[in-house]
N, C-alpha and C. Protein backbone atom coordinates (compact mmCIF):
# COMPACT_ATOMS: atom_id res chain seq x y z
N MET A 1 2.61 -37.85 53.26
CA MET A 1 1.26 -37.30 53.27
C MET A 1 0.22 -38.41 53.15
N ALA A 2 0.56 -39.47 52.40
CA ALA A 2 -0.39 -40.58 52.26
C ALA A 2 -0.61 -41.24 53.62
N ILE A 3 0.44 -41.37 54.42
CA ILE A 3 0.29 -41.96 55.76
C ILE A 3 -0.52 -41.03 56.66
N LYS A 4 -0.25 -39.74 56.55
CA LYS A 4 -0.94 -38.76 57.40
C LYS A 4 -2.45 -38.76 57.14
N PHE A 5 -2.87 -38.82 55.86
CA PHE A 5 -4.28 -38.73 55.51
C PHE A 5 -4.94 -40.07 55.22
N HIS A 6 -4.28 -41.17 55.54
CA HIS A 6 -4.84 -42.50 55.26
C HIS A 6 -6.15 -42.69 56.03
N PRO A 7 -7.18 -43.28 55.39
CA PRO A 7 -8.48 -43.45 56.07
C PRO A 7 -8.40 -44.32 57.32
N ASP A 8 -7.44 -45.24 57.40
CA ASP A 8 -7.32 -46.06 58.61
C ASP A 8 -6.80 -45.24 59.79
N ARG A 9 -6.01 -44.22 59.52
CA ARG A 9 -5.51 -43.36 60.60
C ARG A 9 -6.52 -42.27 60.97
N ASN A 10 -7.45 -41.97 60.06
CA ASN A 10 -8.47 -40.93 60.30
C ASN A 10 -9.85 -41.52 60.03
N PRO A 11 -10.33 -42.42 60.87
CA PRO A 11 -11.63 -43.04 60.59
C PRO A 11 -12.77 -42.03 60.74
N GLY A 12 -13.66 -42.05 59.74
CA GLY A 12 -14.84 -41.17 59.77
C GLY A 12 -14.57 -39.74 59.39
N ASP A 13 -13.39 -39.43 58.88
CA ASP A 13 -13.07 -38.06 58.48
C ASP A 13 -13.13 -37.97 56.96
N PRO A 14 -14.22 -37.40 56.40
CA PRO A 14 -14.33 -37.34 54.93
C PRO A 14 -13.30 -36.41 54.29
N GLU A 15 -12.86 -35.40 55.02
CA GLU A 15 -11.87 -34.48 54.46
C GLU A 15 -10.52 -35.18 54.28
N ALA A 16 -10.14 -36.00 55.26
CA ALA A 16 -8.89 -36.76 55.15
C ALA A 16 -8.97 -37.78 54.02
N GLU A 17 -10.15 -38.38 53.85
CA GLU A 17 -10.34 -39.35 52.77
C GLU A 17 -10.22 -38.68 51.40
N ALA A 18 -10.79 -37.49 51.27
CA ALA A 18 -10.69 -36.75 50.00
C ALA A 18 -9.23 -36.37 49.72
N GLN A 19 -8.51 -35.95 50.76
CA GLN A 19 -7.10 -35.61 50.58
C GLN A 19 -6.29 -36.83 50.17
N PHE A 20 -6.60 -37.99 50.76
CA PHE A 20 -5.89 -39.22 50.43
C PHE A 20 -6.10 -39.60 48.96
N ILE A 21 -7.33 -39.43 48.47
CA ILE A 21 -7.62 -39.71 47.05
C ILE A 21 -6.82 -38.78 46.15
N LEU A 22 -6.78 -37.50 46.49
CA LEU A 22 -6.00 -36.54 45.69
C LEU A 22 -4.51 -36.88 45.69
N ILE A 23 -4.01 -37.29 46.84
CA ILE A 23 -2.59 -37.66 46.93
C ILE A 23 -2.31 -38.87 46.05
N ASN A 24 -3.18 -39.86 46.06
CA ASN A 24 -2.98 -41.04 45.21
C ASN A 24 -3.04 -40.68 43.73
N LYS A 25 -3.95 -39.78 43.35
CA LYS A 25 -4.02 -39.36 41.94
C LYS A 25 -2.77 -38.59 41.53
N ALA A 26 -2.25 -37.77 42.44
CA ALA A 26 -1.01 -37.05 42.15
C ALA A 26 0.15 -38.03 41.98
N GLN A 27 0.18 -39.07 42.81
CA GLN A 27 1.22 -40.10 42.69
C GLN A 27 1.12 -40.81 41.35
N GLU A 28 -0.11 -41.12 40.90
CA GLU A 28 -0.29 -41.76 39.59
C GLU A 28 0.22 -40.86 38.48
N CYS A 29 -0.06 -39.56 38.57
CA CYS A 29 0.39 -38.61 37.54
C CYS A 29 1.91 -38.55 37.47
N LEU A 30 2.56 -38.66 38.61
CA LEU A 30 4.01 -38.53 38.62
C LEU A 30 4.74 -39.81 38.22
N THR A 31 4.13 -40.97 38.43
CA THR A 31 4.85 -42.22 38.17
C THR A 31 4.51 -42.86 36.84
N ASP A 32 3.30 -42.75 36.36
CA ASP A 32 2.88 -43.42 35.12
C ASP A 32 2.91 -42.42 33.97
N PRO A 33 3.71 -42.67 32.91
CA PRO A 33 3.81 -41.71 31.80
C PRO A 33 2.49 -41.53 31.05
N LYS A 34 1.70 -42.59 30.90
CA LYS A 34 0.40 -42.46 30.21
C LYS A 34 -0.55 -41.59 31.02
N LYS A 35 -0.57 -41.80 32.32
CA LYS A 35 -1.46 -41.01 33.17
C LYS A 35 -0.96 -39.57 33.27
N LYS A 36 0.37 -39.38 33.14
CA LYS A 36 0.91 -38.03 33.17
C LYS A 36 0.42 -37.24 31.96
N ILE A 37 0.36 -37.89 30.80
CA ILE A 37 -0.16 -37.24 29.58
C ILE A 37 -1.63 -36.88 29.76
N LEU A 38 -2.41 -37.82 30.32
CA LEU A 38 -3.83 -37.54 30.57
C LEU A 38 -4.00 -36.41 31.58
N CYS A 39 -3.15 -36.40 32.58
CA CYS A 39 -3.23 -35.36 33.60
C CYS A 39 -2.89 -33.98 33.02
N GLU A 40 -1.90 -33.94 32.13
CA GLU A 40 -1.54 -32.67 31.50
C GLU A 40 -2.63 -32.20 30.55
N LYS A 41 -3.28 -33.16 29.89
CA LYS A 41 -4.31 -32.81 28.91
C LYS A 41 -5.63 -32.45 29.57
N TYR A 42 -6.08 -33.28 30.55
CA TYR A 42 -7.40 -33.10 31.15
C TYR A 42 -7.38 -32.63 32.60
N GLY A 43 -6.22 -32.66 33.24
CA GLY A 43 -6.15 -32.28 34.64
C GLY A 43 -6.54 -33.40 35.58
N ASN A 44 -6.62 -34.62 35.04
CA ASN A 44 -7.04 -35.77 35.83
C ASN A 44 -6.38 -37.01 35.25
N PRO A 45 -5.82 -37.89 36.09
CA PRO A 45 -5.17 -39.08 35.55
C PRO A 45 -6.14 -40.09 34.96
N ASP A 46 -7.42 -39.95 35.24
CA ASP A 46 -8.42 -40.86 34.68
C ASP A 46 -8.89 -40.43 33.30
N GLY A 47 -8.40 -39.33 32.80
CA GLY A 47 -8.85 -38.83 31.51
C GLY A 47 -9.96 -37.81 31.70
N ASN A 48 -10.77 -37.67 30.70
CA ASN A 48 -11.86 -36.69 30.73
C ASN A 48 -13.12 -37.31 31.32
N LYS A 49 -13.01 -37.95 32.46
CA LYS A 49 -14.16 -38.57 33.11
C LYS A 49 -14.74 -37.70 34.21
N VAL A 50 -14.17 -36.52 34.40
CA VAL A 50 -14.67 -35.61 35.42
C VAL A 50 -15.92 -34.94 34.90
N PRO A 51 -17.04 -35.03 35.62
CA PRO A 51 -18.26 -34.40 35.13
C PRO A 51 -18.12 -32.87 35.14
N LEU A 52 -18.72 -32.26 34.16
CA LEU A 52 -18.70 -30.82 34.05
C LEU A 52 -19.67 -30.23 35.05
N LYS A 53 -19.19 -29.34 35.88
CA LYS A 53 -20.05 -28.72 36.88
C LYS A 53 -20.49 -27.37 36.36
N ILE A 54 -21.80 -27.20 36.25
CA ILE A 54 -22.37 -25.94 35.81
C ILE A 54 -23.25 -25.42 36.93
N SER A 55 -23.10 -24.17 37.24
CA SER A 55 -23.92 -23.59 38.28
C SER A 55 -24.43 -22.24 37.84
N ILE A 56 -25.48 -21.82 38.48
CA ILE A 56 -26.07 -20.52 38.21
C ILE A 56 -25.73 -19.62 39.38
N GLY A 57 -25.23 -18.47 39.09
CA GLY A 57 -24.87 -17.54 40.15
C GLY A 57 -26.12 -16.89 40.73
N LEU A 58 -26.57 -17.36 41.87
CA LEU A 58 -27.73 -16.80 42.54
C LEU A 58 -27.29 -16.10 43.81
N PRO A 59 -28.03 -15.10 44.25
CA PRO A 59 -27.70 -14.46 45.52
C PRO A 59 -27.80 -15.46 46.67
N SER A 60 -26.98 -15.29 47.66
CA SER A 60 -26.97 -16.23 48.79
C SER A 60 -28.29 -16.21 49.56
N VAL A 61 -29.04 -15.12 49.47
CA VAL A 61 -30.34 -15.04 50.16
C VAL A 61 -31.28 -16.10 49.63
N LEU A 62 -31.23 -16.37 48.32
CA LEU A 62 -32.12 -17.36 47.73
C LEU A 62 -31.74 -18.78 48.10
N MET A 63 -30.48 -19.01 48.43
CA MET A 63 -30.01 -20.35 48.70
C MET A 63 -30.13 -20.78 50.16
N LYS A 64 -30.40 -19.85 51.06
CA LYS A 64 -30.51 -20.20 52.47
C LYS A 64 -31.81 -20.97 52.74
N GLN A 65 -31.71 -21.97 53.57
CA GLN A 65 -32.84 -22.86 53.85
C GLN A 65 -34.00 -22.10 54.49
N GLU A 66 -33.72 -21.14 55.36
CA GLU A 66 -34.80 -20.43 56.05
C GLU A 66 -35.56 -19.47 55.14
N ASN A 67 -35.03 -19.16 53.97
CA ASN A 67 -35.70 -18.25 53.03
C ASN A 67 -36.48 -18.97 51.94
N HIS A 68 -36.48 -20.29 51.90
CA HIS A 68 -37.11 -21.02 50.81
C HIS A 68 -38.61 -20.75 50.73
N VAL A 69 -39.30 -20.70 51.85
CA VAL A 69 -40.75 -20.48 51.83
C VAL A 69 -41.08 -19.09 51.32
N SER A 70 -40.35 -18.08 51.81
CA SER A 70 -40.64 -16.71 51.36
C SER A 70 -40.31 -16.53 49.88
N VAL A 71 -39.25 -17.17 49.40
CA VAL A 71 -38.92 -17.08 47.97
C VAL A 71 -40.03 -17.72 47.13
N LEU A 72 -40.54 -18.87 47.57
CA LEU A 72 -41.64 -19.52 46.84
C LEU A 72 -42.90 -18.67 46.85
N VAL A 73 -43.21 -18.04 47.97
CA VAL A 73 -44.39 -17.19 48.05
C VAL A 73 -44.26 -16.01 47.09
N ILE A 74 -43.10 -15.39 47.08
CA ILE A 74 -42.87 -14.26 46.16
C ILE A 74 -42.97 -14.73 44.71
N PHE A 75 -42.40 -15.89 44.41
CA PHE A 75 -42.46 -16.43 43.06
C PHE A 75 -43.91 -16.66 42.63
N PHE A 76 -44.73 -17.27 43.49
CA PHE A 76 -46.11 -17.55 43.12
C PHE A 76 -46.96 -16.28 43.06
N VAL A 77 -46.66 -15.28 43.87
CA VAL A 77 -47.37 -14.01 43.76
C VAL A 77 -47.09 -13.37 42.41
N ILE A 78 -45.83 -13.40 42.01
CA ILE A 78 -45.49 -12.84 40.70
C ILE A 78 -46.14 -13.65 39.59
N LEU A 79 -46.07 -14.98 39.70
CA LEU A 79 -46.57 -15.86 38.65
C LEU A 79 -48.09 -15.87 38.56
N LEU A 80 -48.78 -15.84 39.69
CA LEU A 80 -50.23 -16.00 39.68
C LEU A 80 -51.02 -14.71 39.82
N ILE A 81 -50.39 -13.61 40.25
CA ILE A 81 -51.14 -12.37 40.43
C ILE A 81 -50.63 -11.26 39.52
N ILE A 82 -49.34 -10.97 39.57
CA ILE A 82 -48.81 -9.81 38.85
C ILE A 82 -48.83 -10.02 37.34
N ILE A 83 -48.30 -11.16 36.87
CA ILE A 83 -48.26 -11.39 35.42
C ILE A 83 -49.66 -11.47 34.82
N PRO A 84 -50.60 -12.24 35.39
CA PRO A 84 -51.95 -12.22 34.83
C PRO A 84 -52.61 -10.84 34.90
N GLY A 85 -52.32 -10.06 35.96
CA GLY A 85 -52.88 -8.72 36.05
C GLY A 85 -52.37 -7.81 34.95
N VAL A 86 -51.08 -7.89 34.65
CA VAL A 86 -50.51 -7.08 33.57
C VAL A 86 -51.11 -7.50 32.23
N VAL A 87 -51.25 -8.80 32.02
CA VAL A 87 -51.82 -9.28 30.76
C VAL A 87 -53.28 -8.83 30.62
N LEU A 88 -54.05 -8.91 31.69
CA LEU A 88 -55.45 -8.46 31.63
C LEU A 88 -55.56 -6.97 31.37
N CYS A 89 -54.69 -6.18 32.00
CA CYS A 89 -54.70 -4.73 31.74
C CYS A 89 -54.34 -4.43 30.30
N TRP A 90 -53.33 -5.14 29.77
CA TRP A 90 -52.95 -4.93 28.37
C TRP A 90 -54.07 -5.34 27.45
N TYR A 91 -54.74 -6.45 27.76
CA TYR A 91 -55.83 -6.93 26.91
C TYR A 91 -57.00 -5.96 26.94
N SER A 92 -57.32 -5.42 28.12
CA SER A 92 -58.45 -4.49 28.19
C SER A 92 -58.12 -3.19 27.46
N GLU A 93 -56.85 -2.78 27.45
CA GLU A 93 -56.44 -1.58 26.73
C GLU A 93 -56.46 -1.81 25.22
N SER A 94 -56.29 -3.05 24.77
CA SER A 94 -56.19 -3.30 23.34
C SER A 94 -57.54 -3.30 22.65
N GLU A 95 -58.63 -3.29 23.39
CA GLU A 95 -59.96 -3.31 22.77
C GLU A 95 -60.70 -1.99 22.96
N LYS A 96 -60.01 -0.89 22.80
CA LYS A 96 -60.65 0.42 22.89
C LYS A 96 -61.49 0.65 21.63
N VAL A 97 -62.55 1.40 21.79
CA VAL A 97 -63.42 1.72 20.65
C VAL A 97 -63.40 3.22 20.42
N ASN A 98 -63.58 3.62 19.17
CA ASN A 98 -63.62 5.05 18.87
C ASN A 98 -65.04 5.59 19.07
N LYS A 99 -65.30 6.82 18.64
CA LYS A 99 -66.60 7.45 18.86
C LYS A 99 -67.74 6.72 18.17
N ARG A 100 -67.45 6.04 17.09
CA ARG A 100 -68.49 5.35 16.33
C ARG A 100 -68.71 3.91 16.81
N GLY A 101 -67.94 3.47 17.82
CA GLY A 101 -68.11 2.13 18.35
C GLY A 101 -67.31 1.06 17.62
N VAL A 102 -66.33 1.49 16.81
CA VAL A 102 -65.50 0.54 16.07
C VAL A 102 -64.25 0.26 16.89
N LYS A 103 -63.90 -1.03 17.02
CA LYS A 103 -62.71 -1.39 17.79
C LYS A 103 -61.46 -0.95 17.04
N GLN A 104 -60.54 -0.38 17.79
CA GLN A 104 -59.26 0.00 17.23
C GLN A 104 -58.21 -0.96 17.76
N GLU A 105 -57.64 -1.72 16.87
CA GLU A 105 -56.68 -2.73 17.28
C GLU A 105 -55.31 -2.10 17.45
N ASN A 106 -54.75 -2.27 18.62
CA ASN A 106 -53.43 -1.71 18.89
C ASN A 106 -52.32 -2.55 18.29
N ASN A 107 -52.57 -3.79 18.02
CA ASN A 107 -51.54 -4.67 17.51
C ASN A 107 -51.49 -4.57 15.99
N ARG A 108 -50.76 -3.58 15.48
CA ARG A 108 -50.71 -3.33 14.04
C ARG A 108 -49.86 -4.36 13.31
N LEU A 109 -48.92 -4.98 14.01
CA LEU A 109 -48.08 -5.99 13.37
C LEU A 109 -48.92 -7.16 12.88
N TYR A 110 -49.88 -7.59 13.68
CA TYR A 110 -50.74 -8.70 13.29
C TYR A 110 -51.54 -8.33 12.04
N GLY A 111 -52.05 -7.12 11.99
CA GLY A 111 -52.79 -6.67 10.82
C GLY A 111 -51.91 -6.56 9.59
N THR A 112 -50.66 -6.14 9.78
CA THR A 112 -49.73 -6.04 8.67
C THR A 112 -49.39 -7.42 8.12
N LEU A 113 -49.22 -8.39 8.98
CA LEU A 113 -48.87 -9.73 8.52
C LEU A 113 -50.02 -10.40 7.78
N LEU A 114 -51.24 -9.96 8.02
CA LEU A 114 -52.38 -10.57 7.34
C LEU A 114 -52.73 -9.89 6.03
N SER A 115 -51.97 -8.83 5.68
CA SER A 115 -52.29 -8.15 4.42
C SER A 115 -51.98 -9.06 3.24
N GLU A 116 -52.61 -8.76 2.09
CA GLU A 116 -52.45 -9.62 0.93
C GLU A 116 -51.10 -9.47 0.26
N ASN A 117 -50.33 -8.44 0.62
CA ASN A 117 -49.03 -8.23 0.00
C ASN A 117 -47.91 -9.04 0.66
N VAL A 118 -48.20 -9.66 1.77
CA VAL A 118 -47.18 -10.42 2.49
C VAL A 118 -47.25 -11.88 2.06
N LEU A 119 -46.08 -12.44 1.75
CA LEU A 119 -46.04 -13.83 1.30
C LEU A 119 -46.39 -14.81 2.42
N PHE A 120 -46.03 -14.46 3.62
CA PHE A 120 -46.23 -15.36 4.74
C PHE A 120 -47.51 -15.03 5.50
N ASN A 121 -48.57 -14.71 4.80
CA ASN A 121 -49.80 -14.28 5.48
C ASN A 121 -50.54 -15.42 6.17
N LYS A 122 -50.10 -16.64 5.99
CA LYS A 122 -50.75 -17.77 6.66
C LYS A 122 -50.12 -18.08 8.02
N ILE A 123 -48.97 -17.46 8.34
CA ILE A 123 -48.27 -17.79 9.57
C ILE A 123 -49.05 -17.39 10.83
N PRO A 124 -49.59 -16.14 10.94
CA PRO A 124 -50.30 -15.79 12.19
C PRO A 124 -51.50 -16.69 12.50
N PRO A 125 -52.35 -17.05 11.54
CA PRO A 125 -53.43 -17.97 11.93
C PRO A 125 -52.93 -19.34 12.35
N ILE A 126 -51.86 -19.80 11.74
CA ILE A 126 -51.30 -21.10 12.13
C ILE A 126 -50.76 -21.02 13.54
N ILE A 127 -50.04 -19.95 13.86
CA ILE A 127 -49.50 -19.79 15.21
C ILE A 127 -50.63 -19.65 16.23
N ALA A 128 -51.68 -18.90 15.86
CA ALA A 128 -52.80 -18.69 16.78
C ALA A 128 -53.49 -20.02 17.04
């Protein structure tokens, strides 16, 4: 197999070169006892030098080159129009006034945290 996939017999073929490297690593695992232990432990005769590959499972529609512009447009519409619109609507709803013209605060948690009975009453102003 090493002769079949040797880079000199397959010039310019990256797949044959990758196969040749794997064949050589398998040969190292079988002949060298130290490398065999590393191969059994890490799956690689070089030890734990293989980088960890982490990926995010995204739909294939998002990864296609022809969809990149439309995905960016949708992202910016959500980021620059929809989210600020929802926040503005929530903010306008939070400042309702009763019949006497007194503002009624919908965020009762903030008012509860500022009461004198709470030990951590300084946290909301610090966060704000």
